[in-house]
C-alpha atoms as a PDB file:
ATOM      1  CA  MET A   1     -10.025  -1.233 -14.190  1.00  0.00           C
ATOM      2  CA  LEU A   2     -12.124   0.655 -16.784  1.00  0.00           C
ATOM      3  CA  LYS A   3     -14.340   2.034 -14.017  1.00  0.00           C
ATOM      4  CA  LYS A   4     -11.295   3.290 -12.129  1.00  0.00           C
ATOM      5  CA  ILE A   5      -9.809   4.987 -15.215  1.00  0.00           C
ATOM      6  CA  ILE A   6     -13.138   6.720 -15.944  1.00  0.00           C
ATOM      7  CA  ILE A   7     -13.287   7.980 -12.357  1.00  0.00           C
ATOM      8  CA  VAL A   8      -9.737   9.314 -12.592  1.00  0.00           C
ATOM      9  CA  LEU A   9     -10.461  10.956 -15.959  1.00  0.00           C
ATOM     10  CA  LEU A  10     -13.470  12.774 -14.540  1.00  0.00           C
ATOM     11  CA  PHE A  11     -11.473  13.777 -11.521  1.00  0.00           C
ATOM     12  CA  ALA A  12      -8.647  15.165 -13.694  1.00  0.00           C
ATOM     13  CA  LEU A  13     -11.170  17.263 -15.635  1.00  0.00           C
ATOM     14  CA  PHE A  14     -12.513  18.616 -12.342  1.00  0.00           C
ATOM     15  CA  VAL A  15      -8.956  19.451 -11.260  1.00  0.00           C
ATOM     16  CA  SER A  16      -8.156  21.324 -14.470  1.00  0.00           C
ATOM     17  CA  LEU A  17     -11.292  23.479 -14.118  1.00  0.00           C
ATOM     18  CA  THR A  18     -10.930  24.293 -10.430  1.00  0.00           C
ATOM     19  CA  TYR A  19      -7.205  24.246  -9.656  1.00  0.00           C
ATOM     20  CA  ASN A  20      -7.058  27.980  -8.882  1.00  0.00           C
ATOM     21  CA  ILE A  21      -9.345  27.692  -5.872  1.00  0.00           C
ATOM     22  CA  TRP A  22      -7.874  24.642  -4.137  1.00  0.00           C
ATOM     23  CA  ILE A  23      -6.401  25.515  -0.755  1.00  0.00           C
ATOM     24  CA  THR A  24      -5.674  23.275   2.197  1.00  0.00           C
ATOM     25  CA  LYS A  25      -5.399  24.236   5.858  1.00  0.00           C
ATOM     26  CA  LYS A  26      -1.739  23.439   6.356  1.00  0.00           C
ATOM     27  CA  GLU A  27      -0.243  23.939   2.926  1.00  0.00           C
ATOM     28  CA  ASN A  28      -1.125  25.963  -0.131  1.00  0.00           C
ATOM     29  CA  ILE A  29      -1.462  23.339  -2.842  1.00  0.00           C
ATOM     30  CA  THR A  30      -2.318  24.452  -6.358  1.00  0.00           C
ATOM     31  CA  LEU A  31      -3.524  21.829  -8.802  1.00  0.00           C
ATOM     32  CA  GLN A  32      -1.433  22.312 -11.855  1.00  0.00           C
ATOM     33  CA  ASN A  33      -2.889  22.931 -15.233  1.00  0.00           C
ATOM     34  CA  THR A  34      -1.154  20.927 -17.939  1.00  0.00           C
ATOM     35  CA  GLU A  35      -0.905  21.009 -21.703  1.00  0.00           C
ATOM     36  CA  ASN A  36      -3.104  17.926 -21.818  1.00  0.00           C
ATOM     37  CA  PRO A  37      -4.213  17.031 -18.270  1.00  0.00           C
ATOM     38  CA  LEU A  38      -6.194  13.997 -19.412  1.00  0.00           C
ATOM     39  CA  GLN A  39      -3.577  12.366 -21.590  1.00  0.00           C
ATOM     40  CA  ALA A  40      -1.525  10.883 -18.747  1.00  0.00           C
ATOM     41  CA  GLN A  41      -4.641   9.380 -17.199  1.00  0.00           C
ATOM     42  CA  ASN A  42      -5.487   7.396 -20.300  1.00  0.00           C
ATOM     43  CA  SER A  43      -2.357   5.266 -19.998  1.00  0.00           C
ATOM     44  CA  PRO A  44      -1.081   4.561 -16.481  1.00  0.00           C
ATOM     45  CA  ALA A  45       1.762   2.560 -18.039  1.00  0.00           C
ATOM     46  CA  THR A  46       3.317   5.640 -19.714  1.00  0.00           C
ATOM     47  CA  VAL A  47       6.747   6.426 -18.269  1.00  0.00           C
ATOM     48  CA  ILE A  48       7.650  10.058 -17.606  1.00  0.00           C
ATOM     49  CA  THR A  49      11.406  10.624 -17.580  1.00  0.00           C
ATOM     50  CA  LEU A  50      12.670  12.063 -14.312  1.00  0.00           C
ATOM     51  CA  GLU A  51      16.111  13.558 -14.662  1.00  0.00           C
ATOM     52  CA  ASP A  52      17.324  15.367 -11.570  1.00  0.00           C
ATOM     53  CA  MET A  53      13.816  15.325 -10.149  1.00  0.00           C
ATOM     54  CA  ASP A  54      13.120  15.511  -6.442  1.00  0.00           C
ATOM     55  CA  TYR A  55      13.058  12.422  -4.241  1.00  0.00           C
ATOM     56  CA  ARG A  56       9.281  12.483  -3.835  1.00  0.00           C
ATOM     57  CA  ASN A  57       8.638  12.225  -7.539  1.00  0.00           C
ATOM     58  CA  LYS A  58      11.283   9.536  -7.914  1.00  0.00           C
ATOM     59  CA  MET A  59       9.265   7.472  -5.448  1.00  0.00           C
ATOM     60  CA  ARG A  60       6.074   8.241  -7.352  1.00  0.00           C
ATOM     61  CA  GLN A  61       7.728   7.091 -10.566  1.00  0.00           C
ATOM     62  CA  PHE A  62       8.962   3.920  -8.866  1.00  0.00           C
ATOM     63  CA  ILE A  63       5.444   3.090  -7.700  1.00  0.00           C
ATOM     64  CA  MET A  64       4.082   3.826 -11.167  1.00  0.00           C
ATOM     65  CA  ASN A  65       6.649   1.470 -12.713  1.00  0.00           C
ATOM     66  CA  ILE A  66       5.709  -1.275 -10.257  1.00  0.00           C
ATOM     67  CA  ALA A  67       2.013  -0.792 -11.032  1.00  0.00           C
ATOM     68  CA  SER A  68       2.663  -0.800 -14.765  1.00  0.00           C
ATOM     69  CA  HIS A  69       4.684  -4.009 -14.586  1.00  0.00           C
ATOM     70  CA  GLY A  70       2.048  -5.707 -12.456  1.00  0.00           C
ATOM     71  CA  LYS A  71      -0.818  -4.684 -14.703  1.00  0.00           C
ATOM     72  CA  GLU A  72       1.076  -5.874 -17.777  1.00  0.00           C
ATOM     73  CA  GLN A  73       0.951  -9.373 -16.301  1.00  0.00           C
ATOM     74  CA  ASN A  74      -2.555  -9.039 -14.848  1.00  0.00           C
ATOM     75  CA  GLY A  75      -4.850  -6.218 -15.901  1.00  0.00           C
ATOM     76  CA  ASP A  76      -6.618  -6.337 -12.534  1.00  0.00           C
ATOM     77  CA  PHE A  77      -3.409  -6.274 -10.498  1.00  0.00           C
ATOM     78  CA  THR A  78      -3.935  -4.157  -7.382  1.00  0.00           C
ATOM     79  CA  VAL A  79      -1.504  -1.659  -5.849  1.00  0.00           C
ATOM     80  CA  ILE A  80      -1.967  -0.503  -2.252  1.00  0.00           C
ATOM     81  CA  THR A  81       0.504   1.839  -0.577  1.00  0.00           C
ATOM     82  CA  ASN A  82       1.102   1.975   3.162  1.00  0.00           C
ATOM     83  CA  ASN A  83       1.493   5.255   5.078  1.00  0.00           C
ATOM     84  CA  GLY A  84       3.586   8.071   3.579  1.00  0.00           C
ATOM     85  CA  THR A  85       0.349   9.892   2.767  1.00  0.00           C
ATOM     86  CA  GLU A  86       2.056  13.210   2.110  1.00  0.00           C
ATOM     87  CA  ILE A  87       3.147  11.803  -1.238  1.00  0.00           C
ATOM     88  CA  TYR A  88      -0.506  12.276  -2.268  1.00  0.00           C
ATOM     89  CA  ARG A  89      -0.362  16.049  -1.908  1.00  0.00           C
ATOM     90  CA  MET A  90      -0.215  17.729  -5.303  1.00  0.00           C
ATOM     91  CA  LEU A  91       2.445  20.427  -5.323  1.00  0.00           C
ATOM     92  CA  PRO A  92       2.919  23.407  -7.658  1.00  0.00           C
ATOM     93  CA  GLU A  93       6.365  22.155  -8.695  1.00  0.00           C
ATOM     94  CA  ASP A  94       5.117  18.727  -9.799  1.00  0.00           C
ATOM     95  CA  PRO A  95       5.917  18.086 -13.472  1.00  0.00           C
ATOM     96  CA  PRO A  96       2.874  18.327 -15.754  1.00  0.00           C
ATOM     97  CA  GLY A  97       0.819  15.157 -15.817  1.00  0.00           C
ATOM     98  CA  LEU A  98       2.878  13.147 -13.341  1.00  0.00           C
ATOM     99  CA  TYR A  99       0.581  13.504 -10.342  1.00  0.00           C
ATOM    100  CA  GLU A 100      -2.506  12.448 -12.296  1.00  0.00           C
ATOM    101  CA  GLN A 101      -0.649   9.456 -13.695  1.00  0.00           C
ATOM    102  CA  PHE A 102       0.581   8.503 -10.230  1.00  0.00           C
ATOM    103  CA  LEU A 103      -2.951   8.704  -8.852  1.00  0.00           C
ATOM    104  CA  ALA A 104      -4.214   6.446 -11.642  1.00  0.00           C
ATOM    105  CA  ALA A 105      -1.588   3.822 -10.794  1.00  0.00           C
ATOM    106  CA  VAL A 106      -2.673   3.377  -7.166  1.00  0.00           C
ATOM    107  CA  ASP A 107      -5.826   1.480  -6.223  1.00  0.00           C
ATOM    108  CA  GLY A 108      -5.733   1.735  -2.442  1.00  0.00           C
ATOM    109  CA  ILE A 109      -4.024   3.552   0.414  1.00  0.00           C
ATOM    110  CA  CYS A 110      -3.482   2.174   3.894  1.00  0.00           C
ATOM    111  CA  ILE A 111      -2.867   4.361   6.920  1.00  0.00           C
ATOM    112  CA  GLU A 112      -1.918   3.218  10.365  1.00  0.00           C
ATOM    113  CA  GLU A 113      -3.190   4.681  13.631  1.00  0.00           C
ATOM    114  CA  PHE A 114      -5.830   7.028  12.260  1.00  0.00           C
ATOM    115  CA  TYR A 115      -7.873   6.643  15.447  1.00  0.00           C
ATOM    116  CA  PHE A 116      -5.633   4.788  17.900  1.00  0.00           C
ATOM    117  CA  GLY A 117      -1.970   4.009  18.512  1.00  0.00           C
ATOM    118  CA  MET A 118      -0.065   6.957  17.071  1.00  0.00           C
ATOM    119  CA  ASP A 119       3.637   7.147  18.010  1.00  0.00           C
ATOM    120  CA  MET A 120       3.600   3.555  19.281  1.00  0.00           C
ATOM    121  CA  GLU A 121       1.164   4.487  22.076  1.00  0.00           C
ATOM    122  CA  ASP A 122      -1.251   1.616  21.690  1.00  0.00           C
ATOM    123  CA  ASN A 123      -4.890   2.283  22.616  1.00  0.00           C
ATOM    124  CA  SER A 124      -4.261   6.039  22.923  1.00  0.00           C
ATOM    125  CA  PRO A 125      -6.524   8.227  20.743  1.00  0.00           C
ATOM    126  CA  THR A 126      -4.862   9.933  17.805  1.00  0.00           C
ATOM    127  CA  SER A 127      -5.108  13.727  17.959  1.00  0.00           C
ATOM    128  CA  VAL A 128      -7.675  15.581  15.882  1.00  0.00           C
ATOM    129  CA  GLU A 129      -4.848  17.590  14.321  1.00  0.00           C
ATOM    130  CA  THR A 130      -3.173  14.415  13.078  1.00  0.00           C
ATOM    131  CA  GLN A 131      -6.453  13.116  11.698  1.00  0.00           C
ATOM    132  CA  GLU A 132      -6.991  16.397   9.857  1.00  0.00           C
ATOM    133  CA  TYR A 133      -3.482  16.109   8.416  1.00  0.00           C
ATOM    134  CA  PHE A 134      -4.268  12.619   7.109  1.00  0.00           C
ATOM    135  CA  MET A 135      -7.562  13.793   5.623  1.00  0.00           C
ATOM    136  CA  GLU A 136      -5.888  16.678   3.819  1.00  0.00           C
ATOM    137  CA  ASN A 137      -3.325  14.310   2.325  1.00  0.00           C
ATOM    138  CA  LEU A 138      -6.028  11.869   1.258  1.00  0.00           C
ATOM    139  CA  ALA A 139      -8.442  14.430  -0.186  1.00  0.00           C
ATOM    140  CA  LEU A 140      -7.452  14.084  -3.845  1.00  0.00           C
ATOM    141  CA  PRO A 141      -7.067  10.282  -3.975  1.00  0.00           C
ATOM    142  CA  ARG A 142     -10.404   9.873  -2.168  1.00  0.00           C
ATOM    143  CA  GLN A 143     -12.083  12.090  -4.756  1.00  0.00           C
ATOM    144  CA  ALA A 144     -10.469   9.960  -7.459  1.00  0.00           C
ATOM    145  CA  GLY A 145     -11.944   6.779  -5.993  1.00  0.00           C
ATOM    146  CA  ALA A 146      -9.030   5.229  -4.099  1.00  0.00           C
ATOM    147  CA  THR A 147     -10.004   2.676  -1.440  1.00  0.00           C
ATOM    148  CA  ILE A 148      -8.764   3.684   2.024  1.00  0.00           C
ATOM    149  CA  PHE A 149      -7.692   1.102   4.609  1.00  0.00           C
ATOM    150  CA  ASN A 150      -6.941   1.845   8.258  1.00  0.00           C
ATOM    151  CA  ILE A 151      -5.029  -0.184  10.858  1.00  0.00           C
ATOM    152  CA  ASP A 152      -5.553   0.844  14.484  1.00  0.00           C
ATOM    153  CA  TYR A 153      -3.647  -0.539  17.458  1.00  0.00           C
ATOM    154  CA  CYS A 154      -6.062  -0.725  20.370  1.00  0.00           C
ATOM    155  CA  GLU A 155      -8.042  -3.052  22.605  1.00  0.00           C
ATOM    156  CA  GLY A 156     -11.281  -3.361  24.544  1.00  0.00           C
ATOM    157  CA  LYS A 157     -14.084  -0.994  23.591  1.00  0.00           C
ATOM    158  CA  ASN A 158     -11.754   0.977  21.337  1.00  0.00           C
ATOM    159  CA  ILE A 159     -11.702  -1.901  18.865  1.00  0.00           C
ATOM    160  CA  ASP A 160     -15.432  -1.490  18.213  1.00  0.00           C
ATOM    161  CA  LYS A 161     -14.969   2.273  18.151  1.00  0.00           C
ATOM    162  CA  SER A 162     -12.238   2.028  15.515  1.00  0.00           C
ATOM    163  CA  TYR A 163     -14.435  -0.047  13.222  1.00  0.00           C
ATOM    164  CA  GLU A 164     -17.492   2.124  13.772  1.00  0.00           C
ATOM    165  CA  LEU A 165     -15.695   5.428  13.155  1.00  0.00           C
ATOM    166  CA  SER A 166     -13.851   4.056  10.120  1.00  0.00           C
ATOM    167  CA  LEU A 167     -17.158   2.930   8.651  1.00  0.00           C
ATOM    168  CA  GLU A 168     -18.528   6.466   9.001  1.00  0.00           C
ATOM    169  CA  LEU A 169     -15.640   7.798   6.891  1.00  0.00           C
ATOM    170  CA  GLY A 170     -15.844   5.013   4.339  1.00  0.00           C
ATOM    171  CA  PHE A 171     -12.556   3.464   5.477  1.00  0.00           C
ATOM    172  CA  ILE A 172     -12.012  -0.300   5.654  1.00  0.00           C
ATOM    173  CA  SER A 173     -10.650  -0.962   9.121  1.00  0.00           C
ATOM    174  CA  PHE A 174      -8.590  -3.566  10.921  1.00  0.00           C
ATOM    175  CA  ALA A 175      -8.165  -3.003  14.653  1.00  0.00           C
ATOM    176  CA  THR A 176      -5.826  -5.132  16.744  1.00  0.00           C
ATOM    177  CA  LYS A 177      -3.881  -5.072  19.993  1.00  0.00           C
ATOM    178  CA  GLN A 178      -1.056  -7.002  18.311  1.00  0.00           C
ATOM    179  CA  ARG A 179       1.207  -4.396  16.728  1.00  0.00           C
ATOM    180  CA  ASP A 180       3.387  -7.149  15.290  1.00  0.00           C
ATOM    181  CA  LEU A 181       0.373  -8.280  13.245  1.00  0.00           C
ATOM    182  CA  THR A 182       0.636 -11.910  14.294  1.00  0.00           C
ATOM    183  CA  THR A 183      -2.923 -12.867  15.181  1.00  0.00           C
ATOM    184  CA  ILE A 184      -6.116 -13.846  13.385  1.00  0.00           C
ATOM    185  CA  PRO A 185      -9.063 -12.498  15.414  1.00  0.00           C
ATOM    186  CA  SER A 186     -11.572 -15.087  16.581  1.00  0.00           C
ATOM    187  CA  SER A 187     -14.293 -13.400  14.518  1.00  0.00           C
ATOM    188  CA  ILE A 188     -14.878 -10.486  12.163  1.00  0.00           C
ATOM    189  CA  ASN A 189     -15.993  -7.376  14.025  1.00  0.00           C
ATOM    190  CA  LYS A 190     -19.731  -6.642  13.958  1.00  0.00           C
ATOM    191  CA  TYR A 191     -19.093  -3.284  12.239  1.00  0.00           C
ATOM    192  CA  ALA A 192     -16.964  -4.894   9.509  1.00  0.00           C
ATOM    193  CA  SER A 193     -19.885  -6.492   7.652  1.00  0.00           C
ATOM    194  CA  GLU A 194     -18.924 -10.143   7.246  1.00  0.00           C
ATOM    195  CA  ASN A 195     -20.361 -11.368   3.942  1.00  0.00           C
ATOM    196  CA  ASN A 196     -20.250 -14.144   1.344  1.00  0.00           C
ATOM    197  CA  ASP A 197     -19.946 -11.773  -1.619  1.00  0.00           C
ATOM    198  CA  ASN A 198     -17.520 -12.387  -4.458  1.00  0.00           C
ATOM    199  CA  ILE A 199     -14.931  -9.622  -4.190  1.00  0.00           C
ATOM    200  CA  GLU A 200     -14.053  -8.493  -7.716  1.00  0.00           C
ATOM    201  CA  GLY A 201     -11.791  -5.662  -6.546  1.00  0.00           C
ATOM    202  CA  ILE A 202     -10.753  -3.978  -3.316  1.00  0.00           C
ATOM    203  CA  ALA A 203     -13.477  -1.367  -3.820  1.00  0.00           C
ATOM    204  CA  ASP A 204     -15.976  -4.180  -3.126  1.00  0.00           C
ATOM    205  CA  ALA A 205     -14.347  -5.098   0.191  1.00  0.00           C
ATOM    206  CA  LYS A 206     -15.942  -4.367   3.551  1.00  0.00           C
ATOM    207  CA  ASN A 207     -13.190  -5.802   5.741  1.00  0.00           C
ATOM    208  CA  PHE A 208      -9.616  -7.058   5.636  1.00  0.00           C
ATOM    209  CA  LEU A 209      -7.046  -9.018   7.614  1.00  0.00           C
ATOM    210  CA  ILE A 210      -3.336  -8.270   7.674  1.00  0.00           C
ATOM    211  CA  ILE A 211      -0.905 -10.873   9.053  1.00  0.00           C
ATOM    212  CA  LEU A 212       2.780 -10.149   8.453  1.00  0.00           C
ATOM    213  CA  ASN A 213       4.426 -12.248  11.160  1.00  0.00           C
ATOM    214  CA  PRO A 214       3.454 -15.945  11.252  1.00  0.00           C
ATOM    215  CA  GLU A 215       5.162 -16.720  14.561  1.00  0.00           C
ATOM    216  CA  GLU A 216       1.982 -18.173  16.080  1.00  0.00           C
ATOM    217  CA  PHE A 217       1.833 -20.906  13.433  1.00  0.00           C
ATOM    218  CA  ASN A 218       3.946 -24.066  13.523  1.00  0.00           C
ATOM    219  CA  ASN A 219       4.305 -24.481   9.777  1.00  0.00           C
ATOM    220  CA  LYS A 220       3.122 -23.132   6.450  1.00  0.00           C
ATOM    221  CA  GLU A 221       0.302 -25.662   6.144  1.00  0.00           C
ATOM    222  CA  GLU A 222      -1.166 -24.592   9.478  1.00  0.00           C
ATOM    223  CA  PHE A 223      -0.825 -20.949   8.438  1.00  0.00           C
ATOM    224  CA  ILE A 224      -2.626 -21.476   5.123  1.00  0.00           C
ATOM    225  CA  ASN A 225      -5.375 -23.589   6.672  1.00  0.00           C
ATOM    226  CA  SER A 226      -6.008 -21.031   9.416  1.00  0.00           C
ATOM    227  CA  LEU A 227      -6.347 -18.199   6.906  1.00  0.00           C
ATOM    228  CA  ALA A 228      -8.567 -20.307   4.643  1.00  0.00           C
ATOM    229  CA  LYS A 229     -11.050 -20.739   7.496  1.00  0.00           C
ATOM    230  CA  THR A 230     -11.760 -16.995   7.637  1.00  0.00           C
ATOM    231  CA  ASN A 231     -14.288 -14.871   5.744  1.00  0.00           C
ATOM    232  CA  TYR A 232     -12.273 -11.671   5.320  1.00  0.00           C
ATOM    233  CA  ASP A 233     -12.722  -9.949   1.952  1.00  0.00           C
ATOM    234  CA  VAL A 234      -9.026  -9.092   1.602  1.00  0.00           C
ATOM    235  CA  LEU A 235      -5.971 -10.861   3.015  1.00  0.00           C
ATOM    236  CA  ILE A 236      -2.667  -8.986   3.231  1.00  0.00           C
ATOM    237  CA  ILE A 237       0.183 -11.392   3.942  1.00  0.00           C
ATOM    238  CA  ASP A 238       3.836 -11.971   3.095  1.00  0.00           C
ATOM    239  CA  LEU A 239       5.024 -13.940   0.085  1.00  0.00           C
ATOM    240  CA  PHE A 240       7.075 -16.025   2.502  1.00  0.00           C
ATOM    241  CA  PHE A 241       6.335 -18.166   5.522  1.00  0.00           C
ATOM    242  CA  TYR A 242       9.754 -17.528   7.021  1.00  0.00           C
ATOM    243  CA  ASP A 243      12.050 -18.741   4.187  1.00  0.00           C
ATOM    244  CA  ASP A 244       9.400 -20.846   2.487  1.00  0.00           C
ATOM    245  CA  ALA A 245       7.659 -19.029  -0.359  1.00  0.00           C
ATOM    246  CA  LEU A 246       3.942 -19.532  -0.824  1.00  0.00           C
ATOM    247  CA  THR A 247       3.110 -21.432  -3.989  1.00  0.00           C
ATOM    248  CA  ALA A 248       0.424 -20.692  -6.547  1.00  0.00           C
ATOM    249  CA  GLU A 249      -1.542 -23.580  -5.021  1.00  0.00           C
ATOM    250  CA  ASP A 250      -1.303 -21.994  -1.553  1.00  0.00           C
ATOM    251  CA  VAL A 251      -2.521 -18.638  -2.805  1.00  0.00           C
ATOM    252  CA  GLN A 252      -5.344 -20.184  -4.812  1.00  0.00           C
ATOM    253  CA  VAL A 253      -6.654 -21.866  -1.649  1.00  0.00           C
ATOM    254  CA  LEU A 254      -6.696 -18.488   0.097  1.00  0.00           C
ATOM    255  CA  LYS A 255      -8.730 -16.827  -2.648  1.00  0.00           C
ATOM    256  CA  GLU A 256     -11.895 -18.537  -1.436  1.00  0.00           C
ATOM    257  CA  LYS A 257     -13.501 -17.509   1.828  1.00  0.00           C
ATOM    258  CA  LYS A 258     -14.757 -20.202   4.175  1.00  0.00           C
ATOM    259  CA  ASN A 259     -18.347 -19.283   3.280  1.00  0.00           C
ATOM    260  CA  GLY A 260     -17.697 -19.773  -0.439  1.00  0.00           C
ATOM    261  CA  GLY A 261     -17.246 -16.188  -1.586  1.00  0.00           C
ATOM    262  CA  THR A 262     -14.088 -15.139  -3.376  1.00  0.00           C
ATOM    263  CA  ARG A 263     -11.593 -12.612  -2.057  1.00  0.00           C
ATOM    264  CA  LYS A 264      -8.392 -10.790  -2.932  1.00  0.00           C
ATOM    265  CA  VAL A 265      -5.005 -11.912  -1.619  1.00  0.00           C
ATOM    266  CA  ILE A 266      -2.344  -9.195  -1.501  1.00  0.00           C
ATOM    267  CA  SER A 267       1.384  -9.579  -0.825  1.00  0.00           C
ATOM    268  CA  TYR A 268       3.482  -7.280   1.343  1.00  0.00           C
ATOM    269  CA  MET A 269       6.580  -5.773  -0.301  1.00  0.00           C
ATOM    270  CA  SER A 270       8.920  -3.126   1.109  1.00  0.00           C
ATOM    271  CA  ILE A 271      10.329  -0.864  -1.596  1.00  0.00           C
ATOM    272  CA  GLY A 272      12.042   1.833   0.484  1.00  0.00           C
ATOM    273  CA  GLU A 273      14.273  -0.418   2.563  1.00  0.00           C
ATOM    274  CA  ALA A 274      16.345  -3.544   1.965  1.00  0.00           C
ATOM    275  CA  GLU A 275      15.804  -6.228   4.598  1.00  0.00           C
ATOM    276  CA  ASP A 276      18.706  -8.498   5.527  1.00  0.00           C
ATOM    277  CA  TYR A 277      16.449 -11.532   6.032  1.00  0.00           C
ATOM    278  CA  ARG A 278      15.061 -11.457   2.491  1.00  0.00           C
ATOM    279  CA  TYR A 279      16.068 -13.912  -0.225  1.00  0.00           C
ATOM    280  CA  TYR A 280      17.798 -11.194  -2.262  1.00  0.00           C
ATOM    281  CA  TRP A 281      20.223 -10.228   0.541  1.00  0.00           C
ATOM    282  CA  LYS A 282      23.759 -11.435  -0.240  1.00  0.00           C
ATOM    283  CA  SER A 283      26.131 -12.622   2.484  1.00  0.00           C
ATOM    284  CA  THR A 284      28.938 -10.572   0.924  1.00  0.00           C
ATOM    285  CA  TRP A 285      27.057  -7.384   1.781  1.00  0.00           C
ATOM    286  CA  ALA A 286      28.084  -7.849   5.423  1.00  0.00           C
ATOM    287  CA  ASN A 287      31.574  -6.714   4.423  1.00  0.00           C
ATOM    288  CA  GLN A 288      30.871  -4.538   1.410  1.00  0.00           C
ATOM    289  CA  GLN A 289      27.409  -3.246   0.698  1.00  0.00           C
ATOM    290  CA  PRO A 290      26.277  -1.935  -2.686  1.00  0.00           C
ATOM    291  CA  GLU A 291      26.539   1.832  -3.011  1.00  0.00           C
ATOM    292  CA  TRP A 292      22.754   2.143  -3.166  1.00  0.00           C
ATOM    293  CA  ILE A 293      22.347   0.875   0.404  1.00  0.00           C
ATOM    294  CA  GLU A 294      22.204   3.638   2.995  1.00  0.00           C
ATOM    295  CA  ALA A 295      21.962   3.712   6.802  1.00  0.00           C
ATOM    296  CA  GLU A 296      20.374   0.998   8.926  1.00  0.00           C
ATOM    297  CA  ASN A 297      16.993   1.839  10.408  1.00  0.00           C
ATOM    298  CA  GLN A 298      17.652   2.029  14.144  1.00  0.00           C
ATOM    299  CA  ASP A 299      13.992   1.382  14.908  1.00  0.00           C
ATOM    300  CA  TRP A 300      13.946  -1.759  12.748  1.00  0.00           C
ATOM    301  CA  LEU A 301      17.389  -3.361  12.866  1.00  0.00           C
ATOM    302  CA  GLY A 302      18.241  -5.335   9.759  1.00  0.00           C
ATOM    303  CA  CYS A 303      16.374  -2.879   7.528  1.00  0.00           C
ATOM    304  CA  TYR A 304      18.432  -0.440   5.473  1.00  0.00           C
ATOM    305  CA  LYS A 305      17.321   2.640   3.590  1.00  0.00           C
ATOM    306  CA  VAL A 306      18.042   2.352  -0.119  1.00  0.00           C
ATOM    307  CA  ARG A 307      18.449   4.713  -3.038  1.00  0.00           C
ATOM    308  CA  TYR A 308      15.208   3.413  -4.434  1.00  0.00           C
ATOM    309  CA  TRP A 309      15.734   5.100  -7.801  1.00  0.00           C
ATOM    310  CA  ASP A 310      18.905   3.059  -8.423  1.00  0.00           C
ATOM    311  CA  LYS A 311      18.492   0.612 -11.299  1.00  0.00           C
ATOM    312  CA  ASP A 312      20.114  -2.252  -9.361  1.00  0.00           C
ATOM    313  CA  TRP A 313      17.637  -1.922  -6.489  1.00  0.00           C
ATOM    314  CA  GLN A 314      14.722  -1.554  -8.880  1.00  0.00           C
ATOM    315  CA  SER A 315      15.774  -4.717 -10.719  1.00  0.00           C
ATOM    316  CA  ILE A 316      15.624  -6.558  -7.390  1.00  0.00           C
ATOM    317  CA  ILE A 317      12.058  -5.326  -7.003  1.00  0.00           C
ATOM    318  CA  TYR A 318      10.697  -5.905 -10.524  1.00  0.00           C
ATOM    319  CA  GLY A 319      11.488  -6.793 -14.115  1.00  0.00           C
ATOM    320  CA  LYS A 320      13.561  -9.987 -13.819  1.00  0.00           C
ATOM    321  CA  GLU A 321      12.531 -13.596 -13.354  1.00  0.00           C
ATOM    322  CA  ASP A 322      13.777 -13.661  -9.763  1.00  0.00           C
ATOM    323  CA  SER A 323      12.628 -10.130  -8.911  1.00  0.00           C
ATOM    324  CA  TYR A 324      10.419  -9.704  -5.866  1.00  0.00           C
ATOM    325  CA  LEU A 325       7.332  -8.480  -7.717  1.00  0.00           C
ATOM    326  CA  ASP A 326       7.663 -11.105 -10.426  1.00  0.00           C
ATOM    327  CA  SER A 327       7.809 -13.824  -7.768  1.00  0.00           C
ATOM    328  CA  ILE A 328       4.647 -12.389  -6.208  1.00  0.00           C
ATOM    329  CA  ILE A 329       2.854 -12.370  -9.559  1.00  0.00           C
ATOM    330  CA  ARG A 330       4.000 -15.897 -10.357  1.00  0.00           C
ATOM    331  CA  ALA A 331       2.552 -17.096  -7.036  1.00  0.00           C
ATOM    332  CA  GLY A 332      -0.842 -15.766  -8.116  1.00  0.00           C
ATOM    333  CA  PHE A 333      -1.277 -12.859  -5.713  1.00  0.00           C
ATOM    334  CA  ASP A 334      -3.880 -10.293  -6.744  1.00  0.00           C
ATOM    335  CA  GLY A 335      -1.684  -7.322  -5.890  1.00  0.00           C
ATOM    336  CA  VAL A 336       0.958  -5.761  -3.675  1.00  0.00           C
ATOM    337  CA  PHE A 337       0.979  -3.806  -0.434  1.00  0.00           C
ATOM    338  CA  LEU A 338       3.898  -1.382  -0.805  1.00  0.00           C
ATOM    339  CA  ASP A 339       5.615  -0.410   2.423  1.00  0.00           C
ATOM    340  CA  VAL A 340       8.193   2.279   3.284  1.00  0.00           C
ATOM    341  CA  ILE A 341       7.088   4.526   0.440  1.00  0.00           C
ATOM    342  CA  ASP A 342       7.977   7.455   2.699  1.00  0.00           C
ATOM    343  CA  ALA A 343      11.689   6.651   2.262  1.00  0.00           C
ATOM    344  CA  TYR A 344      11.939   9.825   0.195  1.00  0.00           C
ATOM    345  CA  THR A 345      11.706  11.872   3.413  1.00  0.00           C
ATOM    346  CA  TYR A 346      14.997  10.328   4.588  1.00  0.00           C
ATOM    347  CA  PHE A 347      16.745  11.820   1.567  1.00  0.00           C
ATOM    348  CA  GLU A 348      14.861  15.115   1.714  1.00  0.00           C
ATOM    349  CA  GLU A 349      15.997  15.564   5.311  1.00  0.00           C
ATOM    350  CA  SER A 350      19.603  14.372   4.797  1.00  0.00           C
END
């Protein structure tokens, strides 16, 4: 954690000295000078009040609050965000200090389809223009030391190509032909550097496995045992095997690779949508939903956009004994994988 804060501090100093010359290809982004640009970096737990702020910064604040709560319980708690990379662009209208504090709260960023599978077209190469867009969005967090993960949806020779190209950029890759993320590959790809190292943080990782749908496993015990027999440095899984939550004993088993090295175990958590199959969903909502629930996602039925800044939704996510994040922490996970962080675009476009 100390290493990460030092990196972010140095990065913030660089930003304050050079903000007037930063230009990107697609968007003119000026790094703001602040009254004290380093102060926010020294304490990622500091809360900046956002009254009538834009939706993007409300999502940033939400992520910061989640990170702060997690790190209060475990100083090494890891926060990885999935997609929504435009949130990492620093804009002239950002309030002083907030962007730097947001950057300090996030340890890793996952993108999907950097090389293959964009727009649900599995195995099709992603355009150079789209890759450049991703790289522009990731420029500042990469300079600050964030770990970048990539999930490609491809098969055949393109699987090797995904791993090889990701390695060249310093990304940690997972390539699969199973978009539903149901399958454990028979072996770790040759470009993914299987190892018996002890993984102290995600920055040490050389590979990862993400399994979010356990439909290929008959029961939780089979699921846990199958994962335990792998040597991946990072596992990203759900807190639940269907309706059965993983216990602290389950998670502890997963923290050791088959070859004896230790690894990080991260739990999936959607924060931009409410899912009607989750434990927090109330049967009464079928007739009368809370006012903070918005439209159903027509691409993912059963998932509903939420006003993620609403205190009732946020209390479902963190801060109470039965909150989602608190359940994840209690089960012994090393961090969270935050999905649907791009929910702010729904409100920006409404």
